[in-house]
Amino acid sequence: MEKMPFWLKARLDASWPCAQNMLGNYFRAGSPTPGTGIAMGIQTSFSDTANVLALLYNGGAKRVVMDFLKLICTAAGTTTTSSHVAIKIDNKDRYTSGGDDITPAQPDGGVQPSSITKCRFGIIVANAVGVPRIVGRDAVKVVAAPCWAVNDQVMITFGTMGQQSGGIAAATAGKIPIALGPAIIRPGWSLLVHLWNIANATTAPSWEFELGYWELP
């Protein structure tokens, strides 16, 4: 019988992520101050290099397996009529400049390994593509301007393809699930989160964020 993929096992067996956490393999990164958002750039269409929202680089010898990315809107921005997301991986360090440098941490206070992953979030300039692959894509929210509302919460989960996802049309704040397939960052590779807001004009949204991932052999 074919061995069950580890990301499926993680979803089906609640004890598996906990066990990996106790081994020091699970890490979390997020906004340093609860209630305070980080601005994104004004980006009205997809770009490989301009105004990337988040960038993770694997500088170690293990695989980085994404678990989730949560976004909480703290400033709604203006004039946006729809918002879209794409997740890409690439075979090099794509970071050039910008964004907040976030230090990932082990959620178990008794385990103190440092992460091999470099995490940045905000207004990021990425360098030219190497050998990119799209590993996730969805329409996040579609509604008359202003599309975003303060306290909107976007929950992107990886390895959950097939569940209800995206396309929320509501002017008030709500929870928006985005279900994507697995995303794995090999040593020396990057993962980029692209979020763009159609018709956004003068003020971009701001976000609190939280993400989790495993570092596995």
Protein backbone atom coordinates (compact mmCIF):
# COMPACT_ATOMS: atom_id res chain seq x y z
CA MET A 1 0.00 0.00 0.00
CA GLU A 2 1.28 3.47 -0.86
CA LYS A 3 2.48 5.47 2.14
CA MET A 4 0.11 8.25 3.22
CA PRO A 5 1.50 11.73 2.39
CA PHE A 6 2.72 13.48 5.52
CA TRP A 7 0.55 16.57 4.95
CA LEU A 8 -2.56 14.36 4.77
CA LYS A 9 -1.47 12.54 7.91
CA ALA A 10 -1.10 15.92 9.60
CA ARG A 11 -4.71 16.76 8.80
CA LEU A 12 -6.17 13.37 9.75
CA ASP A 13 -4.17 12.63 12.88
CA ALA A 14 -4.45 15.44 15.43
CA SER A 15 -1.61 13.99 17.47
CA TRP A 16 0.89 14.21 14.62
CA PRO A 17 1.43 18.02 14.60
CA CYS A 18 1.65 17.96 18.40
CA ALA A 19 4.28 15.22 18.30
CA GLN A 20 6.27 17.10 15.67
CA ASN A 21 6.04 20.23 17.80
CA MET A 22 7.50 18.36 20.80
CA LEU A 23 10.39 17.29 18.58
CA GLY A 24 11.08 20.94 17.81
CA ASN A 25 9.97 20.76 14.18
CA TYR A 26 7.04 23.21 14.25
CA PHE A 27 7.48 26.98 14.08
CA ARG A 28 5.21 30.02 14.22
CA ALA A 29 5.81 33.57 13.02
CA GLY A 30 3.53 36.59 13.24
CA SER A 31 3.02 40.29 13.77
CA PRO A 32 5.05 41.45 16.79
CA THR A 33 2.28 43.63 18.29
CA PRO A 34 -1.31 42.31 18.53
CA GLY A 35 -3.74 44.86 17.14
CA THR A 36 -1.11 46.60 15.01
CA GLY A 37 -1.10 45.86 11.29
CA ILE A 38 1.65 45.94 8.68
CA ALA A 39 0.84 47.81 5.47
CA MET A 40 1.01 46.14 2.10
CA GLY A 41 1.79 47.97 -1.13
CA ILE A 42 -0.75 49.22 -3.62
CA GLN A 43 -0.88 46.38 -6.13
CA THR A 44 -3.79 46.06 -8.57
CA SER A 45 -2.57 43.10 -10.63
CA PHE A 46 -0.22 40.17 -10.23
CA SER A 47 3.50 40.93 -10.28
CA ASP A 48 6.37 38.52 -9.71
CA THR A 49 8.57 41.21 -8.16
CA ALA A 50 6.57 44.25 -6.94
CA ASN A 51 4.82 44.54 -3.57
CA VAL A 52 5.07 40.89 -2.54
CA LEU A 53 3.13 40.47 0.73
CA ALA A 54 5.20 37.70 2.37
CA LEU A 55 8.42 35.87 1.52
CA LEU A 56 9.89 32.82 3.24
CA TYR A 57 13.36 31.58 2.39
CA ASN A 58 14.66 28.15 3.40
CA GLY A 59 18.30 28.60 4.30
CA GLY A 60 18.80 25.16 5.88
CA ALA A 61 19.00 21.51 4.94
CA LYS A 62 15.42 20.44 5.74
CA ARG A 63 12.12 20.87 3.89
CA VAL A 64 9.77 23.60 5.08
CA VAL A 65 6.16 22.35 4.90
CA MET A 66 3.55 25.09 5.14
CA ASP A 67 0.62 24.64 7.53
CA PHE A 68 -1.38 27.91 7.50
CA LEU A 69 -1.31 31.66 6.96
CA LYS A 70 -3.81 33.92 8.76
CA LEU A 71 -4.44 37.58 7.83
CA ILE A 72 -6.49 40.00 9.97
CA CYS A 73 -7.37 43.32 8.32
CA THR A 74 -6.49 46.34 10.47
CA ALA A 75 -6.93 49.02 7.77
CA ALA A 76 -9.33 48.40 4.91
CA GLY A 77 -7.73 50.43 2.15
CA THR A 78 -9.76 52.22 -0.52
CA THR A 79 -11.61 51.55 -3.79
CA THR A 80 -10.78 47.84 -4.05
CA THR A 81 -13.46 45.76 -5.78
CA SER A 82 -11.87 42.31 -5.49
CA SER A 83 -8.78 40.69 -4.01
CA HIS A 84 -6.77 37.71 -5.22
CA VAL A 85 -3.96 35.55 -3.91
CA ALA A 86 -1.27 33.40 -5.52
CA ILE A 87 1.39 31.31 -3.81
CA LYS A 88 4.63 30.62 -5.67
CA ILE A 89 7.80 28.71 -4.86
CA ASP A 90 11.11 29.36 -6.59
CA ASN A 91 14.52 27.72 -6.61
CA LYS A 92 16.53 30.63 -5.15
CA ASP A 93 16.46 33.39 -2.54
CA ARG A 94 14.06 35.89 -4.10
CA TYR A 95 14.40 38.62 -1.45
CA THR A 96 15.77 42.02 -2.49
CA SER A 97 14.47 44.61 -0.01
CA GLY A 98 11.57 45.85 2.10
CA GLY A 99 9.14 44.20 4.47
CA ASP A 100 9.39 43.57 8.20
CA ASP A 101 11.93 40.96 9.29
CA ILE A 102 10.02 38.48 11.51
CA THR A 103 11.80 35.92 13.71
CA PRO A 104 9.95 32.57 13.83
CA ALA A 105 9.72 30.83 17.20
CA GLN A 106 8.98 27.38 18.58
CA PRO A 107 5.51 27.30 20.22
CA ASP A 108 6.79 24.97 22.95
CA GLY A 109 8.56 27.13 25.53
CA GLY A 110 10.68 24.19 26.64
CA VAL A 111 12.14 23.65 23.17
CA GLN A 112 14.41 26.34 21.77
CA PRO A 113 15.78 25.40 18.33
CA SER A 114 16.21 28.26 15.89
CA SER A 115 14.38 28.19 12.59
CA ILE A 116 16.16 27.70 9.28
CA THR A 117 13.48 29.87 7.65
CA LYS A 118 13.84 33.60 6.98
CA CYS A 119 10.42 35.29 7.17
CA ARG A 120 9.53 38.76 5.87
CA PHE A 121 6.13 40.47 5.62
CA GLY A 122 4.88 43.81 4.28
CA ILE A 123 5.97 45.73 1.20
CA ILE A 124 8.62 43.44 -0.30
CA VAL A 125 10.60 43.86 -3.50
CA ALA A 126 11.55 40.48 -4.94
CA ASN A 127 14.29 39.88 -7.48
CA ALA A 128 13.87 38.20 -10.87
CA VAL A 129 12.33 34.75 -11.03
CA GLY A 130 14.42 31.60 -11.21
CA VAL A 131 12.35 28.47 -11.84
CA PRO A 132 9.01 29.45 -10.27
CA ARG A 133 6.00 27.21 -9.68
CA ILE A 134 2.48 28.28 -8.72
CA VAL A 135 1.35 26.07 -5.83
CA GLY A 136 -1.79 28.00 -4.82
CA ARG A 137 -4.31 30.39 -6.37
CA ASP A 138 -7.72 31.74 -5.30
CA ALA A 139 -10.07 34.70 -5.46
CA VAL A 140 -10.18 35.85 -1.85
CA LYS A 141 -13.00 38.41 -1.70
CA VAL A 142 -15.24 39.99 -4.34
CA VAL A 143 -17.54 42.83 -3.33
CA ALA A 144 -18.22 46.48 -4.23
CA ALA A 145 -15.66 48.97 -2.98
CA PRO A 146 -14.39 49.13 -0.38
CA CYS A 147 -13.84 45.39 -0.66
CA TRP A 148 -12.03 44.91 2.63
CA ALA A 149 -13.48 45.64 6.07
CA VAL A 150 -11.53 46.07 9.29
CA ASN A 151 -11.49 42.74 11.16
CA ASP A 152 -11.87 40.65 8.00
CA GLN A 153 -9.97 37.43 8.68
CA VAL A 154 -8.46 35.35 5.89
CA MET A 155 -7.38 31.82 6.84
CA ILE A 156 -5.23 30.07 4.24
CA THR A 157 -4.61 26.40 4.95
CA PHE A 158 -2.24 24.24 2.95
CA GLY A 159 -2.91 20.61 2.06
CA THR A 160 -6.68 21.11 2.26
CA MET A 161 -7.60 21.41 -1.42
CA GLY A 162 -11.23 20.46 -2.06
CA GLN A 163 -12.77 22.30 0.87
CA GLN A 164 -14.98 25.38 0.39
CA SER A 165 -12.76 28.30 -0.41
CA GLY A 166 -12.75 32.03 -1.14
CA GLY A 167 -15.15 34.13 -3.18
CA ILE A 168 -16.81 35.78 -0.18
CA ALA A 169 -19.14 38.65 -1.13
CA ALA A 170 -20.01 40.67 1.97
CA ALA A 171 -19.47 44.31 2.84
CA THR A 172 -19.11 43.57 6.57
CA ALA A 173 -16.22 41.83 8.28
CA GLY A 174 -16.18 38.06 8.12
CA LYS A 175 -14.01 34.96 8.13
CA ILE A 176 -12.80 33.84 4.71
CA PRO A 177 -11.35 30.32 4.34
CA ILE A 178 -8.84 29.66 1.56
CA ALA A 179 -8.10 25.98 0.98
CA LEU A 180 -4.96 25.24 -1.03
CA GLY A 181 -2.85 22.21 -1.85
CA PRO A 182 0.46 21.47 -0.13
CA ALA A 183 3.33 23.96 -0.35
CA ILE A 184 6.87 22.70 0.32
CA ILE A 185 9.99 24.88 0.35
CA ARG A 186 13.13 22.91 -0.49
CA PRO A 187 16.57 23.99 0.82
CA GLY A 188 17.66 27.11 -1.04
CA TRP A 189 14.11 27.80 -2.29
CA SER A 190 11.69 30.63 -1.52
CA LEU A 191 7.93 30.83 -1.06
CA LEU A 192 6.20 34.06 -2.06
CA VAL A 193 2.67 35.18 -1.12
CA HIS A 194 1.22 37.55 -3.72
CA LEU A 195 -1.94 39.47 -2.78
CA TRP A 196 -3.37 42.03 -5.17
CA ASN A 197 -6.42 44.28 -4.91
CA ILE A 198 -8.24 45.22 -8.11
CA ALA A 199 -8.85 49.00 -8.45
CA ASN A 200 -7.03 49.87 -5.18
CA ALA A 201 -6.00 53.50 -5.61
CA THR A 202 -4.57 55.60 -2.78
CA THR A 203 -4.45 53.56 0.43
CA ALA A 204 -3.55 49.87 0.65
CA PRO A 205 -4.88 47.49 3.33
CA SER A 206 -2.86 46.65 6.44
CA TRP A 207 -2.68 43.23 8.06
CA GLU A 208 -1.83 41.44 11.22
CA PHE A 209 -0.53 38.03 10.23
CA GLU A 210 0.29 34.64 11.68
CA LEU A 211 1.75 31.59 9.95
CA GLY A 212 2.89 28.12 10.92
CA TYR A 213 5.06 25.47 9.28
CA TRP A 214 7.05 22.31 9.88
CA GLU A 215 10.78 21.84 9.25
CA LEU A 216 11.19 18.18 8.28
CA PRO A 217 14.02 15.98 6.95
